[in-house]
Amino acid sequence: MTWAVKLIRGTFDANFTGKEYLHCLMVLMIEVIIFTAVFQMLYKIIERQVKINASLELM
C-alpha cells in the first residue's frame, strides 16, 4: 500500500525521477507476486480442509 501511494504522489511531483518510479513499481510488483502466491497456498489449504471435513468449519 505504501508503494502504491508513493507512486501516485510521485506522478504529481516534479522531482520524482524515472529511476525512483521504476524502483517503486518493481517493489510493488514483487509484493503483489508474493502476496498472490501466499494467498493461493492458503486457499488450497483451506479448500482441502473443507473437503475433508465436508463443512466450512476449520477446527
N, C-alpha and C. Protein backbone atom coordinates (compact mmCIF):
# COMPACT_ATOMS: atom_id res chain seq x y z
N MET A 1 0.82 -1.19 0.00
CA MET A 1 0.00 0.00 0.00
C MET A 1 0.87 1.26 0.00
N THR A 2 1.93 1.26 0.76
CA THR A 2 2.80 2.42 0.83
C THR A 2 3.42 2.73 -0.52
N TRP A 3 3.83 1.68 -1.23
CA TRP A 3 4.48 1.88 -2.52
C TRP A 3 3.50 2.41 -3.55
N ALA A 4 2.26 1.97 -3.49
CA ALA A 4 1.25 2.48 -4.43
C ALA A 4 0.99 3.96 -4.18
N VAL A 5 0.91 4.35 -2.91
CA VAL A 5 0.70 5.76 -2.60
C VAL A 5 1.91 6.59 -3.04
N LYS A 6 3.11 6.05 -2.84
CA LYS A 6 4.31 6.77 -3.27
C LYS A 6 4.32 6.96 -4.79
N LEU A 7 3.88 5.93 -5.53
CA LEU A 7 3.81 6.06 -6.99
C LEU A 7 2.81 7.12 -7.41
N ILE A 8 1.65 7.12 -6.76
CA ILE A 8 0.62 8.11 -7.11
C ILE A 8 1.11 9.52 -6.81
N ARG A 9 1.70 9.70 -5.63
CA ARG A 9 2.21 11.03 -5.28
C ARG A 9 3.36 11.44 -6.20
N GLY A 10 4.19 10.47 -6.58
CA GLY A 10 5.33 10.76 -7.43
C GLY A 10 4.95 11.22 -8.82
N THR A 11 3.80 10.81 -9.31
CA THR A 11 3.37 11.24 -10.64
C THR A 11 3.08 12.73 -10.68
N PHE A 12 2.77 13.32 -9.53
CA PHE A 12 2.48 14.75 -9.47
C PHE A 12 3.67 15.57 -8.98
N ASP A 13 4.77 14.90 -8.62
CA ASP A 13 5.95 15.58 -8.11
C ASP A 13 6.95 15.78 -9.25
N ALA A 14 7.41 17.00 -9.41
CA ALA A 14 8.35 17.30 -10.49
C ALA A 14 9.73 16.71 -10.23
N ASN A 15 10.08 16.46 -8.97
CA ASN A 15 11.40 15.94 -8.62
C ASN A 15 11.47 14.41 -8.61
N PHE A 16 10.37 13.75 -8.87
CA PHE A 16 10.30 12.29 -8.87
C PHE A 16 10.87 11.77 -10.19
N THR A 17 12.00 11.09 -10.13
CA THR A 17 12.68 10.65 -11.35
C THR A 17 12.12 9.33 -11.86
N GLY A 18 12.47 9.01 -13.07
CA GLY A 18 12.06 7.74 -13.67
C GLY A 18 12.66 6.55 -12.94
N LYS A 19 13.88 6.73 -12.43
CA LYS A 19 14.54 5.65 -11.69
C LYS A 19 13.79 5.35 -10.39
N GLU A 20 13.35 6.39 -9.70
CA GLU A 20 12.56 6.20 -8.48
C GLU A 20 11.22 5.55 -8.79
N TYR A 21 10.63 5.96 -9.90
CA TYR A 21 9.35 5.39 -10.32
C TYR A 21 9.49 3.89 -10.59
N LEU A 22 10.53 3.51 -11.34
CA LEU A 22 10.74 2.09 -11.63
C LEU A 22 11.04 1.29 -10.38
N HIS A 23 11.79 1.88 -9.46
CA HIS A 23 12.09 1.19 -8.20
C HIS A 23 10.81 0.92 -7.41
N CYS A 24 9.96 1.93 -7.26
CA CYS A 24 8.71 1.76 -6.54
C CYS A 24 7.80 0.74 -7.24
N LEU A 25 7.76 0.82 -8.55
CA LEU A 25 6.93 -0.10 -9.32
C LEU A 25 7.41 -1.54 -9.17
N MET A 26 8.71 -1.76 -9.21
CA MET A 26 9.26 -3.11 -9.07
C MET A 26 8.98 -3.67 -7.67
N VAL A 27 9.17 -2.86 -6.65
CA VAL A 27 8.89 -3.32 -5.29
C VAL A 27 7.41 -3.67 -5.14
N LEU A 28 6.54 -2.84 -5.70
CA LEU A 28 5.11 -3.10 -5.64
C LEU A 28 4.75 -4.40 -6.37
N MET A 29 5.32 -4.62 -7.54
CA MET A 29 5.04 -5.84 -8.30
C MET A 29 5.55 -7.09 -7.56
N ILE A 30 6.71 -6.99 -6.94
CA ILE A 30 7.24 -8.12 -6.17
C ILE A 30 6.33 -8.44 -5.00
N GLU A 31 5.84 -7.40 -4.31
CA GLU A 31 4.91 -7.62 -3.20
C GLU A 31 3.63 -8.29 -3.69
N VAL A 32 3.12 -7.85 -4.82
CA VAL A 32 1.89 -8.43 -5.36
C VAL A 32 2.10 -9.91 -5.70
N ILE A 33 3.23 -10.23 -6.28
CA ILE A 33 3.53 -11.63 -6.63
C ILE A 33 3.64 -12.49 -5.38
N ILE A 34 4.34 -11.99 -4.36
CA ILE A 34 4.49 -12.74 -3.11
C ILE A 34 3.14 -12.95 -2.44
N PHE A 35 2.34 -11.88 -2.32
CA PHE A 35 1.03 -12.00 -1.68
C PHE A 35 0.13 -12.94 -2.46
N THR A 36 0.17 -12.90 -3.77
CA THR A 36 -0.65 -13.80 -4.58
C THR A 36 -0.26 -15.25 -4.34
N ALA A 37 1.03 -15.53 -4.28
CA ALA A 37 1.49 -16.90 -4.04
C ALA A 37 1.07 -17.39 -2.66
N VAL A 38 1.21 -16.54 -1.65
CA VAL A 38 0.82 -16.92 -0.29
C VAL A 38 -0.68 -17.16 -0.20
N PHE A 39 -1.47 -16.27 -0.79
CA PHE A 39 -2.92 -16.42 -0.73
C PHE A 39 -3.40 -17.65 -1.50
N GLN A 40 -2.75 -17.99 -2.62
CA GLN A 40 -3.12 -19.20 -3.33
C GLN A 40 -2.81 -20.44 -2.50
N MET A 41 -1.68 -20.43 -1.81
CA MET A 41 -1.31 -21.55 -0.95
C MET A 41 -2.32 -21.69 0.19
N LEU A 42 -2.68 -20.59 0.83
CA LEU A 42 -3.66 -20.63 1.90
C LEU A 42 -5.02 -21.09 1.40
N TYR A 43 -5.40 -20.66 0.22
CA TYR A 43 -6.68 -21.07 -0.35
C TYR A 43 -6.71 -22.59 -0.55
N LYS A 44 -5.62 -23.15 -1.06
CA LYS A 44 -5.56 -24.59 -1.27
C LYS A 44 -5.65 -25.35 0.05
N ILE A 45 -4.99 -24.85 1.08
CA ILE A 45 -5.04 -25.49 2.39
C ILE A 45 -6.46 -25.46 2.95
N ILE A 46 -7.10 -24.31 2.86
CA ILE A 46 -8.47 -24.19 3.37
C ILE A 46 -9.43 -25.05 2.56
N GLU A 47 -9.25 -25.06 1.25
CA GLU A 47 -10.12 -25.87 0.39
C GLU A 47 -9.98 -27.36 0.73
N ARG A 48 -8.76 -27.80 0.96
CA ARG A 48 -8.53 -29.20 1.32
C ARG A 48 -9.21 -29.54 2.65
N GLN A 49 -9.11 -28.65 3.63
CA GLN A 49 -9.75 -28.89 4.93
C GLN A 49 -11.26 -28.91 4.81
N VAL A 50 -11.81 -28.06 3.99
CA VAL A 50 -13.26 -28.04 3.79
C VAL A 50 -13.72 -29.33 3.14
N LYS A 51 -12.97 -29.85 2.18
CA LYS A 51 -13.35 -31.11 1.52
C LYS A 51 -13.22 -32.29 2.46
N ILE A 52 -12.21 -32.27 3.32
CA ILE A 52 -12.03 -33.38 4.28
C ILE A 52 -13.15 -33.37 5.31
N ASN A 53 -13.45 -32.20 5.86
CA ASN A 53 -14.47 -32.09 6.92
C ASN A 53 -15.88 -31.98 6.37
N ALA A 54 -16.03 -31.73 5.12
CA ALA A 54 -17.32 -31.55 4.47
C ALA A 54 -18.12 -30.43 5.12
N SER A 55 -17.43 -29.41 5.61
CA SER A 55 -18.08 -28.23 6.18
C SER A 55 -17.13 -27.04 6.05
N LEU A 56 -17.64 -25.90 6.42
CA LEU A 56 -16.80 -24.70 6.36
C LEU A 56 -16.09 -24.43 7.69
N GLU A 57 -16.28 -25.31 8.69
CA GLU A 57 -15.58 -25.16 9.95
C GLU A 57 -14.18 -25.75 9.81
N LEU A 58 -13.18 -24.99 10.20
CA LEU A 58 -11.81 -25.44 10.04
C LEU A 58 -11.23 -26.06 11.31
N MET A 59 -11.97 -26.01 12.41
CA MET A 59 -11.45 -26.58 13.65
C MET A 59 -12.19 -27.83 14.04
